[in-house]
Amino acid sequence: MNMELMVQYITYGLMALGVLSFLVAVIVQVIKELPRLNKIPTSVVALVVSVVLCPLAVIIACQYYKIVIVWYYVFAAFLAAFVVYVIATGGWEKAAEIWSRTKYKKNK
């Protein structure tokens, strides 16, 4: 595999994470005030939406591109759902805060 193809796949993967995170955040904002869901913490609703949406997105993509669905595609989507959940619930801010606390500061 050459570097150009690998960078292209990484870009597609990051794009998919971003789109799925956006969809999870939007869906959670829409459904979190429904009568039965308003008693459940928002982070739990976001996790459930992410765990449902990610494998569903992989299955839909495989059907669209006529790719045979293999068990490890669905398993990888299930694992990626946790990454999507962290991103959708503000994980970038947490990571940036940790980075800003631990990064090297020059002495003046």
C-alpha atoms as a PDB file:
ATOM      1  CA  MET A   1       0.000   0.000   0.000  1.00  0.00           C
ATOM      2  CA  ASN A   2       1.499   3.326  -0.971  1.00  0.00           C
ATOM      3  CA  MET A   3       1.436   6.414   1.230  1.00  0.00           C
ATOM      4  CA  GLU A   4      -0.998   8.327  -0.947  1.00  0.00           C
ATOM      5  CA  LEU A   5      -3.628   5.621  -0.640  1.00  0.00           C
ATOM      6  CA  MET A   6      -3.063   5.313   3.102  1.00  0.00           C
ATOM      7  CA  VAL A   7      -3.454   9.066   3.616  1.00  0.00           C
ATOM      8  CA  GLN A   8      -6.626   8.957   1.539  1.00  0.00           C
ATOM      9  CA  TYR A   9      -8.090   6.183   3.724  1.00  0.00           C
ATOM     10  CA  ILE A  10      -7.125   8.036   6.903  1.00  0.00           C
ATOM     11  CA  THR A  11      -8.818  11.156   5.563  1.00  0.00           C
ATOM     12  CA  TYR A  12     -11.985   9.199   4.771  1.00  0.00           C
ATOM     13  CA  GLY A  13     -11.940   7.685   8.258  1.00  0.00           C
ATOM     14  CA  LEU A  14     -11.584  11.065   9.948  1.00  0.00           C
ATOM     15  CA  MET A  15     -14.325  12.454   7.741  1.00  0.00           C
ATOM     16  CA  ALA A  16     -16.619   9.590   8.735  1.00  0.00           C
ATOM     17  CA  LEU A  17     -15.857  10.170  12.428  1.00  0.00           C
ATOM     18  CA  GLY A  18     -16.687  13.849  12.055  1.00  0.00           C
ATOM     19  CA  VAL A  19     -19.930  13.272  10.183  1.00  0.00           C
ATOM     20  CA  LEU A  20     -21.080  10.554  12.577  1.00  0.00           C
ATOM     21  CA  SER A  21     -20.195  12.698  15.595  1.00  0.00           C
ATOM     22  CA  PHE A  22     -22.180  15.582  14.153  1.00  0.00           C
ATOM     23  CA  LEU A  23     -25.165  13.305  13.484  1.00  0.00           C
ATOM     24  CA  VAL A  24     -25.026  11.862  16.996  1.00  0.00           C
ATOM     25  CA  ALA A  25     -24.917  15.352  18.521  1.00  0.00           C
ATOM     26  CA  VAL A  26     -27.852  16.546  16.398  1.00  0.00           C
ATOM     27  CA  ILE A  27     -29.969  13.450  17.064  1.00  0.00           C
ATOM     28  CA  VAL A  28     -29.320  13.669  20.805  1.00  0.00           C
ATOM     29  CA  GLN A  29     -30.265  17.366  20.868  1.00  0.00           C
ATOM     30  CA  VAL A  30     -33.515  16.544  19.085  1.00  0.00           C
ATOM     31  CA  ILE A  31     -34.588  13.506  21.109  1.00  0.00           C
ATOM     32  CA  LYS A  32     -33.269  14.292  24.595  1.00  0.00           C
ATOM     33  CA  GLU A  33     -36.413  16.181  25.577  1.00  0.00           C
ATOM     34  CA  LEU A  34     -38.843  13.427  24.607  1.00  0.00           C
ATOM     35  CA  PRO A  35     -41.137  12.425  27.482  1.00  0.00           C
ATOM     36  CA  ARG A  36     -39.428   9.164  28.458  1.00  0.00           C
ATOM     37  CA  LEU A  37     -35.879  10.212  27.562  1.00  0.00           C
ATOM     38  CA  ASN A  38     -35.785  13.393  29.635  1.00  0.00           C
ATOM     39  CA  LYS A  39     -35.202  11.347  32.807  1.00  0.00           C
ATOM     40  CA  ILE A  40     -32.159   9.584  31.334  1.00  0.00           C
ATOM     41  CA  PRO A  41     -28.798  11.433  31.423  1.00  0.00           C
ATOM     42  CA  THR A  42     -27.866  12.994  28.095  1.00  0.00           C
ATOM     43  CA  SER A  43     -24.521  11.184  27.961  1.00  0.00           C
ATOM     44  CA  VAL A  44     -26.282   7.810  28.159  1.00  0.00           C
ATOM     45  CA  VAL A  45     -28.620   8.811  25.338  1.00  0.00           C
ATOM     46  CA  ALA A  46     -25.591   9.910  23.281  1.00  0.00           C
ATOM     47  CA  LEU A  47     -23.843   6.583  23.906  1.00  0.00           C
ATOM     48  CA  VAL A  48     -26.890   4.572  22.859  1.00  0.00           C
ATOM     49  CA  VAL A  49     -27.407   6.691  19.735  1.00  0.00           C
ATOM     50  CA  SER A  50     -23.746   6.288  18.839  1.00  0.00           C
ATOM     51  CA  VAL A  51     -23.755   2.513  19.369  1.00  0.00           C
ATOM     52  CA  VAL A  52     -26.834   2.199  17.151  1.00  0.00           C
ATOM     53  CA  LEU A  53     -25.828   4.719  14.479  1.00  0.00           C
ATOM     54  CA  CYS A  54     -22.253   3.597  13.775  1.00  0.00           C
ATOM     55  CA  PRO A  55     -22.918  -0.066  12.880  1.00  0.00           C
ATOM     56  CA  LEU A  56     -26.008   1.034  10.987  1.00  0.00           C
ATOM     57  CA  ALA A  57     -23.906   3.484   8.965  1.00  0.00           C
ATOM     58  CA  VAL A  58     -21.400   0.748   8.132  1.00  0.00           C
ATOM     59  CA  ILE A  59     -24.149  -1.617   7.018  1.00  0.00           C
ATOM     60  CA  ILE A  60     -25.735   1.101   4.865  1.00  0.00           C
ATOM     61  CA  ALA A  61     -22.356   2.006   3.328  1.00  0.00           C
ATOM     62  CA  CYS A  62     -21.630  -1.659   2.552  1.00  0.00           C
ATOM     63  CA  GLN A  63     -25.008  -2.027   0.894  1.00  0.00           C
ATOM     64  CA  TYR A  64     -24.539   1.162  -1.119  1.00  0.00           C
ATOM     65  CA  TYR A  65     -21.057   0.252  -2.358  1.00  0.00           C
ATOM     66  CA  LYS A  66     -22.029  -3.427  -2.797  1.00  0.00           C
ATOM     67  CA  ILE A  67     -19.431  -4.676  -0.323  1.00  0.00           C
ATOM     68  CA  VAL A  68     -19.975  -7.980   1.428  1.00  0.00           C
ATOM     69  CA  ILE A  69     -20.669  -7.348   5.115  1.00  0.00           C
ATOM     70  CA  VAL A  70     -18.220  -9.264   7.283  1.00  0.00           C
ATOM     71  CA  TRP A  71     -18.516  -9.605  11.044  1.00  0.00           C
ATOM     72  CA  TYR A  72     -15.405  -7.576  11.781  1.00  0.00           C
ATOM     73  CA  TYR A  73     -16.801  -4.555   9.913  1.00  0.00           C
ATOM     74  CA  VAL A  74     -19.694  -4.432  12.335  1.00  0.00           C
ATOM     75  CA  PHE A  75     -17.382  -5.090  15.301  1.00  0.00           C
ATOM     76  CA  ALA A  76     -15.040  -2.278  14.216  1.00  0.00           C
ATOM     77  CA  ALA A  77     -18.046   0.024  13.855  1.00  0.00           C
ATOM     78  CA  PHE A  78     -19.118  -0.920  17.371  1.00  0.00           C
ATOM     79  CA  LEU A  79     -15.665   0.005  18.690  1.00  0.00           C
ATOM     80  CA  ALA A  80     -15.646   3.223  16.656  1.00  0.00           C
ATOM     81  CA  ALA A  81     -18.989   4.104  18.235  1.00  0.00           C
ATOM     82  CA  PHE A  82     -17.199   4.844  21.506  1.00  0.00           C
ATOM     83  CA  VAL A  83     -14.806   7.219  19.731  1.00  0.00           C
ATOM     84  CA  VAL A  84     -17.761   8.902  18.049  1.00  0.00           C
ATOM     85  CA  TYR A  85     -19.476   9.186  21.440  1.00  0.00           C
ATOM     86  CA  VAL A  86     -16.442  10.880  23.003  1.00  0.00           C
ATOM     87  CA  ILE A  87     -16.134  13.314  20.106  1.00  0.00           C
ATOM     88  CA  ALA A  88     -19.867  14.075  20.087  1.00  0.00           C
ATOM     89  CA  THR A  89     -19.965  14.787  23.822  1.00  0.00           C
ATOM     90  CA  GLY A  90     -17.123  17.283  23.795  1.00  0.00           C
ATOM     91  CA  GLY A  91     -14.099  15.043  23.759  1.00  0.00           C
ATOM     92  CA  TRP A  92     -12.014  17.498  21.756  1.00  0.00           C
ATOM     93  CA  GLU A  93     -12.346  20.129  24.468  1.00  0.00           C
ATOM     94  CA  LYS A  94     -11.266  17.624  27.104  1.00  0.00           C
ATOM     95  CA  ALA A  95      -8.278  16.563  25.016  1.00  0.00           C
ATOM     96  CA  ALA A  96      -7.305  20.188  24.346  1.00  0.00           C
ATOM     97  CA  GLU A  97      -7.534  20.982  28.050  1.00  0.00           C
ATOM     98  CA  ILE A  98      -5.291  18.044  28.942  1.00  0.00           C
ATOM     99  CA  TRP A  99      -2.833  19.085  26.231  1.00  0.00           C
ATOM    100  CA  SER A 100      -2.732  22.687  27.444  1.00  0.00           C
ATOM    101  CA  ARG A 101      -2.051  21.568  31.020  1.00  0.00           C
ATOM    102  CA  THR A 102       0.755  19.184  30.088  1.00  0.00           C
ATOM    103  CA  LYS A 103       2.495  20.869  27.172  1.00  0.00           C
ATOM    104  CA  TYR A 104       5.942  22.280  27.591  1.00  0.00           C
ATOM    105  CA  LYS A 105       6.119  25.967  28.462  1.00  0.00           C
ATOM    106  CA  LYS A 106       9.274  27.967  27.862  1.00  0.00           C
ATOM    107  CA  ASN A 107      10.779  29.805  30.783  1.00  0.00           C
ATOM    108  CA  LYS A 108      10.979  33.542  30.247  1.00  0.00           C
END
